Amino acid sequence: MAKAAKTAIKTKDQKAAADAKNWTKVIRAVRSPKSGAYTFKESIVHKDKIKEYLGQ
């Protein structure tokens, strides 16, 4: 039988695990000035700074 997948974060440091939930992966579409095609930029941003990051 297969093992059941665990969704909970298991670390020795529970504070670090709780802090990890405050970060978000943000993907922006950026237009290339050379070709006009879109490229995607990925960043890990704190959840309180998302609007500032997208406003750039």
N, C-alpha and C. Protein backbone atom coordinates (compact mmCIF):
# COMPACT_ATOMS: atom_id res chain seq x y z
N MET A 1 0.83 -1.18 0.00
CA MET A 1 0.00 0.00 0.00
C MET A 1 0.88 1.25 0.00
N ALA A 2 0.39 2.30 -0.59
CA ALA A 2 1.12 3.55 -0.65
C ALA A 2 0.94 4.32 0.65
N LYS A 3 1.95 5.13 0.94
CA LYS A 3 1.87 5.97 2.13
C LYS A 3 0.98 7.18 1.85
N ALA A 4 0.29 7.64 2.86
CA ALA A 4 -0.56 8.82 2.72
C ALA A 4 0.31 10.08 2.73
N ALA A 5 -0.02 11.04 1.86
CA ALA A 5 0.73 12.29 1.79
C ALA A 5 0.38 13.17 2.98
N LYS A 6 1.37 13.78 3.55
CA LYS A 6 1.16 14.69 4.67
C LYS A 6 1.28 16.12 4.17
N THR A 7 0.29 16.94 4.46
CA THR A 7 0.31 18.32 4.00
C THR A 7 0.89 19.28 5.02
N ALA A 8 1.01 18.86 6.25
CA ALA A 8 1.52 19.74 7.30
C ALA A 8 3.03 19.90 7.16
N ILE A 9 3.53 21.08 7.46
CA ILE A 9 4.96 21.33 7.47
C ILE A 9 5.53 20.76 8.75
N LYS A 10 6.51 19.90 8.62
CA LYS A 10 7.11 19.28 9.79
C LYS A 10 8.55 19.73 9.90
N THR A 11 8.81 20.59 10.86
CA THR A 11 10.17 21.04 11.14
C THR A 11 10.38 21.02 12.64
N LYS A 12 11.62 21.13 13.03
CA LYS A 12 11.93 21.20 14.45
C LYS A 12 11.60 22.57 15.00
N ASP A 13 11.68 23.58 14.15
CA ASP A 13 11.43 24.96 14.59
C ASP A 13 10.05 25.40 14.11
N GLN A 14 9.07 25.39 14.97
CA GLN A 14 7.70 25.75 14.60
C GLN A 14 7.56 27.22 14.25
N LYS A 15 8.40 28.08 14.87
CA LYS A 15 8.34 29.51 14.55
C LYS A 15 8.76 29.76 13.11
N ALA A 16 9.78 29.06 12.64
CA ALA A 16 10.22 29.19 11.25
C ALA A 16 9.14 28.69 10.29
N ALA A 17 8.45 27.63 10.66
CA ALA A 17 7.39 27.10 9.82
C ALA A 17 6.23 28.09 9.73
N ALA A 18 5.90 28.74 10.82
CA ALA A 18 4.82 29.73 10.82
C ALA A 18 5.22 30.96 10.02
N ASP A 19 6.50 31.36 10.09
CA ASP A 19 6.97 32.52 9.34
C ASP A 19 7.00 32.24 7.84
N ALA A 20 7.20 31.00 7.44
CA ALA A 20 7.26 30.65 6.02
C ALA A 20 5.92 30.89 5.33
N LYS A 21 4.84 30.87 6.07
CA LYS A 21 3.52 31.09 5.49
C LYS A 21 3.28 32.55 5.13
N ASN A 22 4.16 33.45 5.55
CA ASN A 22 4.01 34.88 5.26
C ASN A 22 4.64 35.27 3.93
N TRP A 23 5.24 34.34 3.21
CA TRP A 23 5.90 34.62 1.94
C TRP A 23 5.07 34.06 0.80
N THR A 24 5.08 34.78 -0.34
CA THR A 24 4.26 34.42 -1.48
C THR A 24 5.11 34.47 -2.75
N LYS A 25 4.86 33.56 -3.66
CA LYS A 25 5.53 33.57 -4.95
C LYS A 25 4.72 34.46 -5.89
N VAL A 26 5.37 35.48 -6.46
CA VAL A 26 4.71 36.42 -7.34
C VAL A 26 5.30 36.26 -8.74
N ILE A 27 4.43 36.13 -9.74
CA ILE A 27 4.86 35.98 -11.12
C ILE A 27 4.36 37.19 -11.90
N ARG A 28 5.30 37.94 -12.51
CA ARG A 28 4.95 39.12 -13.29
C ARG A 28 5.22 38.87 -14.76
N ALA A 29 4.34 39.36 -15.61
CA ALA A 29 4.58 39.34 -17.06
C ALA A 29 5.26 40.65 -17.42
N VAL A 30 6.44 40.55 -18.03
CA VAL A 30 7.22 41.73 -18.40
C VAL A 30 7.42 41.70 -19.90
N ARG A 31 7.11 42.80 -20.56
CA ARG A 31 7.25 42.87 -22.01
C ARG A 31 8.69 43.22 -22.39
N SER A 32 9.26 42.47 -23.29
CA SER A 32 10.62 42.70 -23.75
C SER A 32 10.63 43.89 -24.70
N PRO A 33 11.51 44.89 -24.47
CA PRO A 33 11.55 46.04 -25.38
C PRO A 33 12.13 45.69 -26.74
N LYS A 34 12.92 44.64 -26.80
CA LYS A 34 13.57 44.26 -28.04
C LYS A 34 12.62 43.54 -29.00
N SER A 35 11.94 42.50 -28.51
CA SER A 35 11.11 41.69 -29.40
C SER A 35 9.61 41.93 -29.21
N GLY A 36 9.23 42.52 -28.08
CA GLY A 36 7.81 42.74 -27.81
C GLY A 36 7.13 41.53 -27.19
N ALA A 37 7.85 40.44 -27.02
CA ALA A 37 7.27 39.24 -26.41
C ALA A 37 7.26 39.39 -24.89
N TYR A 38 6.39 38.65 -24.26
CA TYR A 38 6.31 38.67 -22.81
C TYR A 38 7.23 37.62 -22.21
N THR A 39 7.89 37.98 -21.13
CA THR A 39 8.64 37.04 -20.33
C THR A 39 8.08 37.10 -18.92
N PHE A 40 8.37 36.09 -18.13
CA PHE A 40 7.81 36.02 -16.80
C PHE A 40 8.93 36.08 -15.77
N LYS A 41 8.78 36.94 -14.78
CA LYS A 41 9.73 37.08 -13.69
C LYS A 41 9.08 36.54 -12.43
N GLU A 42 9.76 35.62 -11.77
CA GLU A 42 9.24 35.04 -10.53
C GLU A 42 10.06 35.55 -9.36
N SER A 43 9.38 35.89 -8.28
CA SER A 43 10.04 36.36 -7.07
C SER A 43 9.28 35.85 -5.85
N ILE A 44 10.00 35.70 -4.76
CA ILE A 44 9.40 35.36 -3.48
C ILE A 44 9.34 36.66 -2.69
N VAL A 45 8.13 37.10 -2.33
CA VAL A 45 7.91 38.40 -1.70
C VAL A 45 7.11 38.20 -0.43
N HIS A 46 7.42 39.00 0.59
CA HIS A 46 6.63 38.97 1.82
C HIS A 46 5.22 39.44 1.51
N LYS A 47 4.23 38.84 2.15
CA LYS A 47 2.84 39.14 1.81
C LYS A 47 2.45 40.59 2.04
N ASP A 48 3.16 41.30 2.92
CA ASP A 48 2.86 42.71 3.15
C ASP A 48 3.44 43.62 2.08
N LYS A 49 4.36 43.14 1.27
CA LYS A 49 5.06 43.96 0.28
C LYS A 49 4.62 43.67 -1.16
N ILE A 50 3.57 42.88 -1.35
CA ILE A 50 3.16 42.48 -2.70
C ILE A 50 2.72 43.68 -3.53
N LYS A 51 1.91 44.57 -2.98
CA LYS A 51 1.44 45.73 -3.75
C LYS A 51 2.58 46.64 -4.15
N GLU A 52 3.57 46.81 -3.27
CA GLU A 52 4.73 47.63 -3.60
C GLU A 52 5.51 46.99 -4.74
N TYR A 53 5.68 45.67 -4.70
CA TYR A 53 6.42 44.97 -5.73
C TYR A 53 5.73 45.07 -7.09
N LEU A 54 4.42 44.90 -7.10
CA LEU A 54 3.68 44.97 -8.35
C LEU A 54 3.55 46.40 -8.88
N GLY A 55 3.68 47.36 -8.02
CA GLY A 55 3.60 48.76 -8.42
C GLY A 55 4.86 49.28 -9.11
N GLN A 56 5.93 48.53 -9.06
CA GLN A 56 7.20 48.96 -9.69
C GLN A 56 7.08 48.99 -11.19
